[in-house]
Amino acid sequence: MIKLLFNVLRLLRPRQWIKNFAVFASITFAGELFNPPVFSNVFYAFLIFCGLSSATYIVNDIFDIKKDKLHPFKRFRPLAHGDVPVSFGISLAILLIIASLSFAHNITPTFFAVTILYLIIQFLYSVFLKSLAVVDILALASGYILRVYGGEFASGYHISVWLLLTTISISLFLAIGKRRSELTLLSTTKDANIAATRKSLSHYSERLLDVYASIFATSTFISYSLFTFLENPGGFRLSLITFIPESLSGFFERKWLMITIIPVVYGLMRYLQDIYEKHEGESPERVLLSDKPLLFAVISWALLVVFLIYFVSP
């Protein structure tokens, strides 16, 4: 019984719930992270996306059972390995979808619409989009983008255009990194049939994916840098000016959010190193949790953002 519960937990892929923290982007940069009613709504949105994402992973595993059995690592997934019955997986996915959509309907109509769109794209991805080169990358990236929009519609606080461009860029960057790592893994695995495992990979070359990765790593850096320079976030702040001389008050009115560019640049470079030197990146959340310097950079960035927006920015 314990083994079955463990395999069901593996089927839900809780490690991938890290992606759902993207729903907090809008209220964090709007200065409303510590507003209890707003935070409560977004937290419920986070839980809903956890349920929906787990359901879509199960659906994708069901469609990919035969292909996963040919994959060097994915063949150990619960459904492909036979640890969890397919009938149970179908029932669990349906239950998660019904429960998640029921709660989503109670937040806002626009948030509910985003969850429906997320489900449609993920379902189409499982059925045939993942077999189409380039389209598969766009479909993967859309999942990250819709999470950010889900947080916006759940809270009612809009994200700036530069933060949106940053989200699009880093979403495409992560999706391309995933495909690059998959291609490298299958290319170096003996007797691996790339086309049979994932059809779209047979239409990519490593050089092409390298160019794609360079484009969106650069656009992530540029768009985020412009966001930190042009954005003027609001929120609850300590009155630091009362503790410093008037002659230094101008010093604290600078664009301090630009400091967060440092961990972002390091994170991008470290992630690229994981893809090209360690041949990782097939699972972004696995890379994040296993690479301590990268994890430290992400945590440092998050703490810096909160500190600068809520306690330092004028």
C-alpha atoms as a PDB file:
ATOM      1  CA  MET A   1       0.000   0.000   0.000  1.00  0.00           C
ATOM      2  CA  ILE A   2       2.805   2.373   0.929  1.00  0.00           C
ATOM      3  CA  LYS A   3       4.608   1.544  -2.314  1.00  0.00           C
ATOM      4  CA  LEU A   4       1.443   2.281  -4.316  1.00  0.00           C
ATOM      5  CA  LEU A   5       0.988   5.643  -2.565  1.00  0.00           C
ATOM      6  CA  PHE A   6       4.612   6.491  -3.291  1.00  0.00           C
ATOM      7  CA  ASN A   7       4.150   5.658  -6.970  1.00  0.00           C
ATOM      8  CA  VAL A   8       0.941   7.729  -7.102  1.00  0.00           C
ATOM      9  CA  LEU A   9       2.910  10.626  -5.641  1.00  0.00           C
ATOM     10  CA  ARG A  10       5.544  10.124  -8.333  1.00  0.00           C
ATOM     11  CA  LEU A  11       2.758  10.136 -10.914  1.00  0.00           C
ATOM     12  CA  LEU A  12       1.630  13.570  -9.682  1.00  0.00           C
ATOM     13  CA  ARG A  13       5.199  14.939 -10.065  1.00  0.00           C
ATOM     14  CA  PRO A  14       5.087  17.327  -7.064  1.00  0.00           C
ATOM     15  CA  ARG A  15       8.611  18.490  -7.884  1.00  0.00           C
ATOM     16  CA  GLN A  16       7.198  20.219 -10.964  1.00  0.00           C
ATOM     17  CA  TRP A  17       4.868  22.310  -8.820  1.00  0.00           C
ATOM     18  CA  ILE A  18       7.802  24.705  -8.495  1.00  0.00           C
ATOM     19  CA  LYS A  19       6.736  26.109 -11.871  1.00  0.00           C
ATOM     20  CA  ASN A  20       3.419  27.177 -10.354  1.00  0.00           C
ATOM     21  CA  PHE A  21       5.110  29.783  -8.148  1.00  0.00           C
ATOM     22  CA  ALA A  22       4.990  31.924 -11.304  1.00  0.00           C
ATOM     23  CA  VAL A  23       1.420  32.856 -10.312  1.00  0.00           C
ATOM     24  CA  PHE A  24       2.879  35.072  -7.557  1.00  0.00           C
ATOM     25  CA  ALA A  25       4.777  37.284 -10.045  1.00  0.00           C
ATOM     26  CA  SER A  26       2.048  39.892 -10.514  1.00  0.00           C
ATOM     27  CA  ILE A  27       1.368  40.593  -6.818  1.00  0.00           C
ATOM     28  CA  THR A  28       5.067  40.471  -5.918  1.00  0.00           C
ATOM     29  CA  PHE A  29       6.059  43.182  -8.378  1.00  0.00           C
ATOM     30  CA  ALA A  30       2.842  45.129  -7.737  1.00  0.00           C
ATOM     31  CA  GLY A  31       3.763  45.425  -4.059  1.00  0.00           C
ATOM     32  CA  GLU A  32       0.767  43.395  -2.865  1.00  0.00           C
ATOM     33  CA  LEU A  33       2.491  40.209  -1.705  1.00  0.00           C
ATOM     34  CA  PHE A  34       1.665  40.930   1.937  1.00  0.00           C
ATOM     35  CA  ASN A  35      -1.933  41.935   1.277  1.00  0.00           C
ATOM     36  CA  PRO A  36      -3.840  39.001   2.924  1.00  0.00           C
ATOM     37  CA  PRO A  37      -6.998  38.940   0.715  1.00  0.00           C
ATOM     38  CA  VAL A  38      -4.977  39.245  -2.490  1.00  0.00           C
ATOM     39  CA  PHE A  39      -2.369  36.709  -1.364  1.00  0.00           C
ATOM     40  CA  SER A  40      -5.150  34.293  -0.406  1.00  0.00           C
ATOM     41  CA  ASN A  41      -6.667  34.422  -3.904  1.00  0.00           C
ATOM     42  CA  VAL A  42      -3.308  33.855  -5.576  1.00  0.00           C
ATOM     43  CA  PHE A  43      -2.428  31.047  -3.181  1.00  0.00           C
ATOM     44  CA  TYR A  44      -5.644  29.263  -4.170  1.00  0.00           C
ATOM     45  CA  ALA A  45      -4.645  29.842  -7.793  1.00  0.00           C
ATOM     46  CA  PHE A  46      -1.300  28.198  -7.031  1.00  0.00           C
ATOM     47  CA  LEU A  47      -3.042  25.122  -5.586  1.00  0.00           C
ATOM     48  CA  ILE A  48      -5.385  24.949  -8.584  1.00  0.00           C
ATOM     49  CA  PHE A  49      -2.472  24.995 -11.018  1.00  0.00           C
ATOM     50  CA  CYS A  50      -0.793  22.265  -8.960  1.00  0.00           C
ATOM     51  CA  GLY A  51      -3.887  20.099  -9.464  1.00  0.00           C
ATOM     52  CA  LEU A  52      -4.229  20.929 -13.149  1.00  0.00           C
ATOM     53  CA  SER A  53      -0.549  20.474 -13.943  1.00  0.00           C
ATOM     54  CA  SER A  54      -0.487  17.070 -12.223  1.00  0.00           C
ATOM     55  CA  ALA A  55      -3.569  16.046 -14.208  1.00  0.00           C
ATOM     56  CA  THR A  56      -1.939  17.072 -17.489  1.00  0.00           C
ATOM     57  CA  TYR A  57       1.245  15.173 -16.604  1.00  0.00           C
ATOM     58  CA  ILE A  58      -0.836  12.045 -16.053  1.00  0.00           C
ATOM     59  CA  VAL A  59      -2.667  12.546 -19.369  1.00  0.00           C
ATOM     60  CA  ASN A  60       0.659  13.070 -21.150  1.00  0.00           C
ATOM     61  CA  ASP A  61       2.092   9.915 -19.558  1.00  0.00           C
ATOM     62  CA  ILE A  62      -0.934   7.931 -20.727  1.00  0.00           C
ATOM     63  CA  PHE A  63      -0.475   9.078 -24.320  1.00  0.00           C
ATOM     64  CA  ASP A  64       3.296   8.481 -24.116  1.00  0.00           C
ATOM     65  CA  ILE A  65       3.385   5.035 -22.503  1.00  0.00           C
ATOM     66  CA  LYS A  66       4.820   3.271 -25.559  1.00  0.00           C
ATOM     67  CA  LYS A  67       7.349   6.022 -26.293  1.00  0.00           C
ATOM     68  CA  ASP A  68       8.383   6.351 -22.646  1.00  0.00           C
ATOM     69  CA  LYS A  69       9.239   2.645 -22.588  1.00  0.00           C
ATOM     70  CA  LEU A  70      11.881   3.400 -25.240  1.00  0.00           C
ATOM     71  CA  HIS A  71      13.346   6.329 -23.270  1.00  0.00           C
ATOM     72  CA  PRO A  72      16.421   5.646 -21.082  1.00  0.00           C
ATOM     73  CA  PHE A  73      14.917   7.445 -18.055  1.00  0.00           C
ATOM     74  CA  LYS A  74      11.209   7.903 -18.716  1.00  0.00           C
ATOM     75  CA  ARG A  75      10.707   4.129 -18.894  1.00  0.00           C
ATOM     76  CA  PHE A  76      10.819   4.146 -15.093  1.00  0.00           C
ATOM     77  CA  ARG A  77       7.785   6.449 -14.804  1.00  0.00           C
ATOM     78  CA  PRO A  78       4.885   4.814 -12.859  1.00  0.00           C
ATOM     79  CA  LEU A  79       2.597   4.211 -15.859  1.00  0.00           C
ATOM     80  CA  ALA A  80       5.304   3.186 -18.326  1.00  0.00           C
ATOM     81  CA  HIS A  81       6.888   0.872 -15.745  1.00  0.00           C
ATOM     82  CA  GLY A  82       3.552  -0.626 -14.722  1.00  0.00           C
ATOM     83  CA  ASP A  83       3.742   0.577 -11.114  1.00  0.00           C
ATOM     84  CA  VAL A  84       0.335   2.290 -11.374  1.00  0.00           C
ATOM     85  CA  PRO A  85      -2.592   0.932 -13.448  1.00  0.00           C
ATOM     86  CA  VAL A  86      -3.585   3.080 -16.421  1.00  0.00           C
ATOM     87  CA  SER A  87      -7.245   2.958 -15.351  1.00  0.00           C
ATOM     88  CA  PHE A  88      -6.300   4.448 -11.982  1.00  0.00           C
ATOM     89  CA  GLY A  89      -4.286   7.178 -13.718  1.00  0.00           C
ATOM     90  CA  ILE A  90      -7.274   8.120 -15.907  1.00  0.00           C
ATOM     91  CA  SER A  91      -9.606   8.284 -12.888  1.00  0.00           C
ATOM     92  CA  LEU A  92      -7.145  10.391 -10.897  1.00  0.00           C
ATOM     93  CA  ALA A  93      -6.627  12.830 -13.790  1.00  0.00           C
ATOM     94  CA  ILE A  94     -10.382  13.305 -14.244  1.00  0.00           C
ATOM     95  CA  LEU A  95     -10.853  13.840 -10.491  1.00  0.00           C
ATOM     96  CA  LEU A  96      -8.074  16.447 -10.356  1.00  0.00           C
ATOM     97  CA  ILE A  97      -9.445  18.323 -13.375  1.00  0.00           C
ATOM     98  CA  ILE A  98     -13.017  18.441 -12.031  1.00  0.00           C
ATOM     99  CA  ALA A  99     -11.913  19.530  -8.548  1.00  0.00           C
ATOM    100  CA  SER A 100      -9.459  22.155  -9.854  1.00  0.00           C
ATOM    101  CA  LEU A 101     -11.927  23.691 -12.313  1.00  0.00           C
ATOM    102  CA  SER A 102     -14.624  23.805  -9.621  1.00  0.00           C
ATOM    103  CA  PHE A 103     -12.368  25.880  -7.386  1.00  0.00           C
ATOM    104  CA  ALA A 104     -11.098  27.981 -10.319  1.00  0.00           C
ATOM    105  CA  HIS A 105     -14.675  28.951 -11.181  1.00  0.00           C
ATOM    106  CA  ASN A 106     -15.002  30.522  -7.722  1.00  0.00           C
ATOM    107  CA  ILE A 107     -12.018  32.867  -8.105  1.00  0.00           C
ATOM    108  CA  THR A 108     -12.672  35.041 -11.170  1.00  0.00           C
ATOM    109  CA  PRO A 109     -14.167  34.373 -14.623  1.00  0.00           C
ATOM    110  CA  THR A 110     -10.926  35.413 -16.341  1.00  0.00           C
ATOM    111  CA  PHE A 111      -8.861  33.100 -14.155  1.00  0.00           C
ATOM    112  CA  PHE A 112     -11.258  30.266 -14.951  1.00  0.00           C
ATOM    113  CA  ALA A 113     -10.837  31.026 -18.669  1.00  0.00           C
ATOM    114  CA  VAL A 114      -7.038  30.846 -18.290  1.00  0.00           C
ATOM    115  CA  THR A 115      -7.276  27.427 -16.629  1.00  0.00           C
ATOM    116  CA  ILE A 116      -9.506  26.170 -19.449  1.00  0.00           C
ATOM    117  CA  LEU A 117      -7.045  27.490 -22.041  1.00  0.00           C
ATOM    118  CA  TYR A 118      -4.168  25.878 -20.138  1.00  0.00           C
ATOM    119  CA  LEU A 119      -5.943  22.515 -20.174  1.00  0.00           C
ATOM    120  CA  ILE A 120      -6.779  22.757 -23.888  1.00  0.00           C
ATOM    121  CA  ILE A 121      -3.181  23.565 -24.872  1.00  0.00           C
ATOM    122  CA  GLN A 122      -1.770  20.838 -22.641  1.00  0.00           C
ATOM    123  CA  PHE A 123      -4.232  18.290 -24.016  1.00  0.00           C
ATOM    124  CA  LEU A 124      -3.424  19.253 -27.612  1.00  0.00           C
ATOM    125  CA  TYR A 125       0.262  19.049 -26.732  1.00  0.00           C
ATOM    126  CA  SER A 126      -0.180  15.494 -25.451  1.00  0.00           C
ATOM    127  CA  VAL A 127      -2.165  14.481 -28.549  1.00  0.00           C
ATOM    128  CA  PHE A 128      -0.132  15.962 -31.409  1.00  0.00           C
ATOM    129  CA  LEU A 129       1.531  19.356 -30.801  1.00  0.00           C
ATOM    130  CA  LYS A 130       4.614  17.752 -29.238  1.00  0.00           C
ATOM    131  CA  SER A 131       5.268  16.045 -32.579  1.00  0.00           C
ATOM    132  CA  LEU A 132       5.502  19.352 -34.460  1.00  0.00           C
ATOM    133  CA  ALA A 133       8.925  21.007 -34.475  1.00  0.00           C
ATOM    134  CA  VAL A 134       8.973  24.593 -33.114  1.00  0.00           C
ATOM    135  CA  VAL A 135       5.264  24.348 -32.249  1.00  0.00           C
ATOM    136  CA  ASP A 136       6.172  21.941 -29.448  1.00  0.00           C
ATOM    137  CA  ILE A 137       8.524  24.532 -27.933  1.00  0.00           C
ATOM    138  CA  LEU A 138       5.879  27.253 -28.157  1.00  0.00           C
ATOM    139  CA  ALA A 139       3.339  24.952 -26.495  1.00  0.00           C
ATOM    140  CA  LEU A 140       5.745  24.175 -23.655  1.00  0.00           C
ATOM    141  CA  ALA A 141       6.494  27.867 -23.124  1.00  0.00           C
ATOM    142  CA  SER A 142       2.791  28.758 -23.093  1.00  0.00           C
ATOM    143  CA  GLY A 143       2.379  26.783 -19.870  1.00  0.00           C
ATOM    144  CA  TYR A 144       4.755  29.120 -18.028  1.00  0.00           C
ATOM    145  CA  ILE A 145       3.168  32.238 -19.532  1.00  0.00           C
ATOM    146  CA  LEU A 146      -0.373  31.172 -18.628  1.00  0.00           C
ATOM    147  CA  ARG A 147       0.699  30.615 -15.031  1.00  0.00           C
ATOM    148  CA  VAL A 148       1.857  34.234 -14.818  1.00  0.00           C
ATOM    149  CA  TYR A 149      -1.389  35.434 -16.383  1.00  0.00           C
ATOM    150  CA  GLY A 150      -3.313  33.179 -14.009  1.00  0.00           C
ATOM    151  CA  GLY A 151      -1.779  35.058 -11.095  1.00  0.00           C
ATOM    152  CA  GLU A 152      -2.652  38.377 -12.724  1.00  0.00           C
ATOM    153  CA  PHE A 153      -6.299  37.470 -13.273  1.00  0.00           C
ATOM    154  CA  ALA A 154      -6.650  35.894  -9.838  1.00  0.00           C
ATOM    155  CA  SER A 155      -5.318  39.020  -8.124  1.00  0.00           C
ATOM    156  CA  GLY A 156      -6.496  41.787 -10.424  1.00  0.00           C
ATOM    157  CA  TYR A 157      -3.004  43.329 -10.531  1.00  0.00           C
ATOM    158  CA  HIS A 158      -1.449  43.641 -13.973  1.00  0.00           C
ATOM    159  CA  ILE A 159       2.126  42.878 -14.917  1.00  0.00           C
ATOM    160  CA  SER A 160       4.100  45.390 -16.952  1.00  0.00           C
ATOM    161  CA  VAL A 161       4.842  44.810 -20.615  1.00  0.00           C
ATOM    162  CA  TRP A 162       8.558  44.382 -19.850  1.00  0.00           C
ATOM    163  CA  LEU A 163       7.857  41.733 -17.230  1.00  0.00           C
ATOM    164  CA  LEU A 164       5.593  40.005 -19.758  1.00  0.00           C
ATOM    165  CA  LEU A 165       8.395  40.036 -22.348  1.00  0.00           C
ATOM    166  CA  THR A 166      10.767  38.653 -19.706  1.00  0.00           C
ATOM    167  CA  THR A 167       8.294  35.871 -18.954  1.00  0.00           C
ATOM    168  CA  ILE A 168       7.937  34.991 -22.634  1.00  0.00           C
ATOM    169  CA  SER A 169      11.708  35.010 -23.151  1.00  0.00           C
ATOM    170  CA  ILE A 170      12.622  32.866 -20.157  1.00  0.00           C
ATOM    171  CA  SER A 171       9.742  30.477 -20.900  1.00  0.00           C
ATOM    172  CA  LEU A 172      11.067  29.889 -24.416  1.00  0.00           C
ATOM    173  CA  PHE A 173      14.613  29.631 -23.057  1.00  0.00           C
ATOM    174  CA  LEU A 174      13.617  26.877 -20.589  1.00  0.00           C
ATOM    175  CA  ALA A 175      11.583  25.018 -23.226  1.00  0.00           C
ATOM    176  CA  ILE A 176      14.495  25.113 -25.689  1.00  0.00           C
ATOM    177  CA  GLY A 177      16.903  23.991 -22.967  1.00  0.00           C
ATOM    178  CA  LYS A 178      14.620  21.041 -22.304  1.00  0.00           C
ATOM    179  CA  ARG A 179      14.646  20.005 -25.970  1.00  0.00           C
ATOM    180  CA  ARG A 180      18.426  20.524 -26.231  1.00  0.00           C
ATOM    181  CA  SER A 181      19.059  18.242 -23.262  1.00  0.00           C
ATOM    182  CA  GLU A 182      16.646  15.607 -24.580  1.00  0.00           C
ATOM    183  CA  LEU A 183      18.396  15.606 -27.950  1.00  0.00           C
ATOM    184  CA  THR A 184      21.842  15.321 -26.346  1.00  0.00           C
ATOM    185  CA  LEU A 185      20.696  12.501 -24.058  1.00  0.00           C
ATOM    186  CA  LEU A 186      19.157  10.441 -26.863  1.00  0.00           C
ATOM    187  CA  SER A 187      22.051  11.139 -29.242  1.00  0.00           C
ATOM    188  CA  THR A 188      24.536   9.726 -26.731  1.00  0.00           C
ATOM    189  CA  THR A 189      22.394   6.733 -25.719  1.00  0.00           C
ATOM    190  CA  LYS A 190      23.204   3.510 -27.497  1.00  0.00           C
ATOM    191  CA  ASP A 191      20.433   2.086 -29.692  1.00  0.00           C
ATOM    192  CA  ALA A 192      18.156   5.078 -28.943  1.00  0.00           C
ATOM    193  CA  ASN A 193      15.689   5.865 -31.722  1.00  0.00           C
ATOM    194  CA  ILE A 194      15.182   9.642 -31.602  1.00  0.00           C
ATOM    195  CA  ALA A 195      12.239   9.745 -34.017  1.00  0.00           C
ATOM    196  CA  ALA A 196      10.445   6.910 -32.222  1.00  0.00           C
ATOM    197  CA  THR A 197      10.993   8.464 -28.779  1.00  0.00           C
ATOM    198  CA  ARG A 198       9.987  12.023 -29.748  1.00  0.00           C
ATOM    199  CA  LYS A 199       9.243  12.812 -33.381  1.00  0.00           C
ATOM    200  CA  SER A 200       9.890  16.565 -33.151  1.00  0.00           C
ATOM    201  CA  LEU A 201      13.477  15.992 -31.935  1.00  0.00           C
ATOM    202  CA  SER A 202      14.376  14.403 -35.262  1.00  0.00           C
ATOM    203  CA  HIS A 203      13.733  17.799 -36.904  1.00  0.00           C
ATOM    204  CA  TYR A 204      16.157  19.675 -34.651  1.00  0.00           C
ATOM    205  CA  SER A 205      19.912  19.863 -34.835  1.00  0.00           C
ATOM    206  CA  GLU A 206      22.045  20.740 -31.822  1.00  0.00           C
ATOM    207  CA  ARG A 207      23.350  23.790 -33.673  1.00  0.00           C
ATOM    208  CA  LEU A 208      19.819  25.087 -34.336  1.00  0.00           C
ATOM    209  CA  LEU A 209      18.799  24.651 -30.694  1.00  0.00           C
ATOM    210  CA  ASP A 210      22.026  26.388 -29.639  1.00  0.00           C
ATOM    211  CA  VAL A 211      21.018  29.427 -31.708  1.00  0.00           C
ATOM    212  CA  TYR A 212      17.515  29.383 -30.240  1.00  0.00           C
ATOM    213  CA  ALA A 213      18.923  29.187 -26.692  1.00  0.00           C
ATOM    214  CA  SER A 214      21.289  32.110 -27.357  1.00  0.00           C
ATOM    215  CA  ILE A 215      18.471  34.251 -28.724  1.00  0.00           C
ATOM    216  CA  PHE A 216      16.171  33.792 -25.751  1.00  0.00           C
ATOM    217  CA  ALA A 217      18.885  33.887 -23.075  1.00  0.00           C
ATOM    218  CA  THR A 218      19.862  37.281 -24.511  1.00  0.00           C
ATOM    219  CA  SER A 219      16.270  38.511 -24.763  1.00  0.00           C
ATOM    220  CA  THR A 220      15.633  37.416 -21.157  1.00  0.00           C
ATOM    221  CA  PHE A 221      18.595  39.472 -19.970  1.00  0.00           C
ATOM    222  CA  ILE A 222      17.654  42.548 -22.027  1.00  0.00           C
ATOM    223  CA  SER A 223      13.926  42.547 -21.241  1.00  0.00           C
ATOM    224  CA  TYR A 224      14.486  41.961 -17.514  1.00  0.00           C
ATOM    225  CA  SER A 225      17.141  44.700 -17.410  1.00  0.00           C
ATOM    226  CA  LEU A 226      14.726  47.138 -19.051  1.00  0.00           C
ATOM    227  CA  PHE A 227      12.007  46.040 -16.633  1.00  0.00           C
ATOM    228  CA  THR A 228      14.156  46.802 -13.591  1.00  0.00           C
ATOM    229  CA  PHE A 229      15.121  50.202 -15.011  1.00  0.00           C
ATOM    230  CA  LEU A 230      11.678  51.323 -16.168  1.00  0.00           C
ATOM    231  CA  GLU A 231       9.513  49.765 -13.460  1.00  0.00           C
ATOM    232  CA  ASN A 232       8.553  51.744 -10.381  1.00  0.00           C
ATOM    233  CA  PRO A 233       7.048  49.131  -8.054  1.00  0.00           C
ATOM    234  CA  GLY A 234       4.868  50.024  -5.130  1.00  0.00           C
ATOM    235  CA  GLY A 235       4.182  48.345  -1.826  1.00  0.00           C
ATOM    236  CA  PHE A 236       4.702  48.449   1.920  1.00  0.00           C
ATOM    237  CA  ARG A 237       8.138  49.855   2.794  1.00  0.00           C
ATOM    238  CA  LEU A 238      10.167  50.776   5.835  1.00  0.00           C
ATOM    239  CA  SER A 239      10.719  54.483   6.102  1.00  0.00           C
ATOM    240  CA  LEU A 240      14.471  54.292   5.737  1.00  0.00           C
ATOM    241  CA  ILE A 241      14.730  57.982   4.953  1.00  0.00           C
ATOM    242  CA  THR A 242      14.020  58.836   8.602  1.00  0.00           C
ATOM    243  CA  PHE A 243      17.164  56.971   9.661  1.00  0.00           C
ATOM    244  CA  ILE A 244      19.602  58.568   7.233  1.00  0.00           C
ATOM    245  CA  PRO A 245      20.876  62.141   6.678  1.00  0.00           C
ATOM    246  CA  GLU A 246      18.933  64.258   4.185  1.00  0.00           C
ATOM    247  CA  SER A 247      22.069  64.574   2.056  1.00  0.00           C
ATOM    248  CA  LEU A 248      21.964  60.813   1.408  1.00  0.00           C
ATOM    249  CA  SER A 249      18.245  60.585   0.682  1.00  0.00           C
ATOM    250  CA  GLY A 250      18.846  60.874  -3.074  1.00  0.00           C
ATOM    251  CA  PHE A 251      21.111  57.840  -2.920  1.00  0.00           C
ATOM    252  CA  PHE A 252      18.195  55.689  -1.797  1.00  0.00           C
ATOM    253  CA  GLU A 253      15.974  56.913  -4.618  1.00  0.00           C
ATOM    254  CA  ARG A 254      17.943  55.085  -7.280  1.00  0.00           C
ATOM    255  CA  LYS A 255      16.711  52.156  -9.358  1.00  0.00           C
ATOM    256  CA  TRP A 256      17.791  49.552  -6.827  1.00  0.00           C
ATOM    257  CA  LEU A 257      15.840  46.773  -8.550  1.00  0.00           C
ATOM    258  CA  MET A 258      18.619  46.735 -11.131  1.00  0.00           C
ATOM    259  CA  ILE A 259      20.788  44.958  -8.543  1.00  0.00           C
ATOM    260  CA  THR A 260      18.697  41.849  -9.158  1.00  0.00           C
ATOM    261  CA  ILE A 261      20.149  41.668 -12.680  1.00  0.00           C
ATOM    262  CA  ILE A 262      23.284  40.120 -11.130  1.00  0.00           C
ATOM    263  CA  PRO A 263      21.683  36.843  -9.907  1.00  0.00           C
ATOM    264  CA  VAL A 264      19.607  36.690 -13.111  1.00  0.00           C
ATOM    265  CA  VAL A 265      22.715  36.829 -15.299  1.00  0.00           C
ATOM    266  CA  TYR A 266      24.472  34.276 -13.118  1.00  0.00           C
ATOM    267  CA  GLY A 267      21.402  32.018 -13.195  1.00  0.00           C
ATOM    268  CA  LEU A 268      21.211  32.145 -16.989  1.00  0.00           C
ATOM    269  CA  MET A 269      24.912  31.378 -17.344  1.00  0.00           C
ATOM    270  CA  ARG A 270      24.754  28.569 -14.782  1.00  0.00           C
ATOM    271  CA  TYR A 271      21.726  27.006 -16.460  1.00  0.00           C
ATOM    272  CA  LEU A 272      23.488  27.114 -19.834  1.00  0.00           C
ATOM    273  CA  GLN A 273      26.453  25.414 -18.193  1.00  0.00           C
ATOM    274  CA  ASP A 274      24.148  22.678 -16.896  1.00  0.00           C
ATOM    275  CA  ILE A 275      22.776  22.165 -20.404  1.00  0.00           C
ATOM    276  CA  TYR A 276      26.070  22.135 -22.295  1.00  0.00           C
ATOM    277  CA  GLU A 277      28.616  20.841 -19.784  1.00  0.00           C
ATOM    278  CA  LYS A 278      26.501  18.548 -17.586  1.00  0.00           C
ATOM    279  CA  HIS A 279      23.981  17.642 -20.321  1.00  0.00           C
ATOM    280  CA  GLU A 280      21.098  18.433 -17.980  1.00  0.00           C
ATOM    281  CA  GLY A 281      18.040  20.614 -18.517  1.00  0.00           C
ATOM    282  CA  GLU A 282      15.531  17.971 -19.635  1.00  0.00           C
ATOM    283  CA  SER A 283      13.733  18.682 -16.366  1.00  0.00           C
ATOM    284  CA  PRO A 284      14.234  22.346 -15.306  1.00  0.00           C
ATOM    285  CA  GLU A 285      12.912  21.763 -11.781  1.00  0.00           C
ATOM    286  CA  ARG A 286      15.322  18.827 -11.308  1.00  0.00           C
ATOM    287  CA  VAL A 287      18.231  21.018 -12.394  1.00  0.00           C
ATOM    288  CA  LEU A 288      17.131  23.772 -10.007  1.00  0.00           C
ATOM    289  CA  LEU A 289      16.869  21.457  -7.002  1.00  0.00           C
ATOM    290  CA  SER A 290      20.085  19.542  -7.729  1.00  0.00           C
ATOM    291  CA  ASP A 291      22.325  22.483  -8.645  1.00  0.00           C
ATOM    292  CA  LYS A 292      23.025  24.276  -5.352  1.00  0.00           C
ATOM    293  CA  PRO A 293      24.701  27.391  -6.863  1.00  0.00           C
ATOM    294  CA  LEU A 294      21.750  27.816  -9.248  1.00  0.00           C
ATOM    295  CA  LEU A 295      19.256  27.306  -6.422  1.00  0.00           C
ATOM    296  CA  PHE A 296      21.146  29.846  -4.310  1.00  0.00           C
ATOM    297  CA  ALA A 297      21.008  32.347  -7.191  1.00  0.00           C
ATOM    298  CA  VAL A 298      17.239  31.927  -7.569  1.00  0.00           C
ATOM    299  CA  ILE A 299      16.606  32.253  -3.824  1.00  0.00           C
ATOM    300  CA  SER A 300      18.920  35.283  -3.642  1.00  0.00           C
ATOM    301  CA  TRP A 301      17.054  36.890  -6.532  1.00  0.00           C
ATOM    302  CA  ALA A 302      13.677  36.310  -4.860  1.00  0.00           C
ATOM    303  CA  LEU A 303      14.833  37.703  -1.500  1.00  0.00           C
ATOM    304  CA  LEU A 304      16.446  40.709  -3.171  1.00  0.00           C
ATOM    305  CA  VAL A 305      13.262  41.466  -5.129  1.00  0.00           C
ATOM    306  CA  VAL A 306      11.119  41.361  -1.992  1.00  0.00           C
ATOM    307  CA  PHE A 307      13.591  43.423   0.046  1.00  0.00           C
ATOM    308  CA  LEU A 308      14.112  46.084  -2.605  1.00  0.00           C
ATOM    309  CA  ILE A 309      10.446  46.457  -3.561  1.00  0.00           C
ATOM    310  CA  TYR A 310       8.956  46.368  -0.075  1.00  0.00           C
ATOM    311  CA  PHE A 311      11.651  47.950   2.085  1.00  0.00           C
ATOM    312  CA  VAL A 312      13.962  50.122  -0.022  1.00  0.00           C
ATOM    313  CA  SER A 313      12.266  51.454  -3.192  1.00  0.00           C
ATOM    314  CA  PRO A 314      10.937  55.015  -2.777  1.00  0.00           C
END
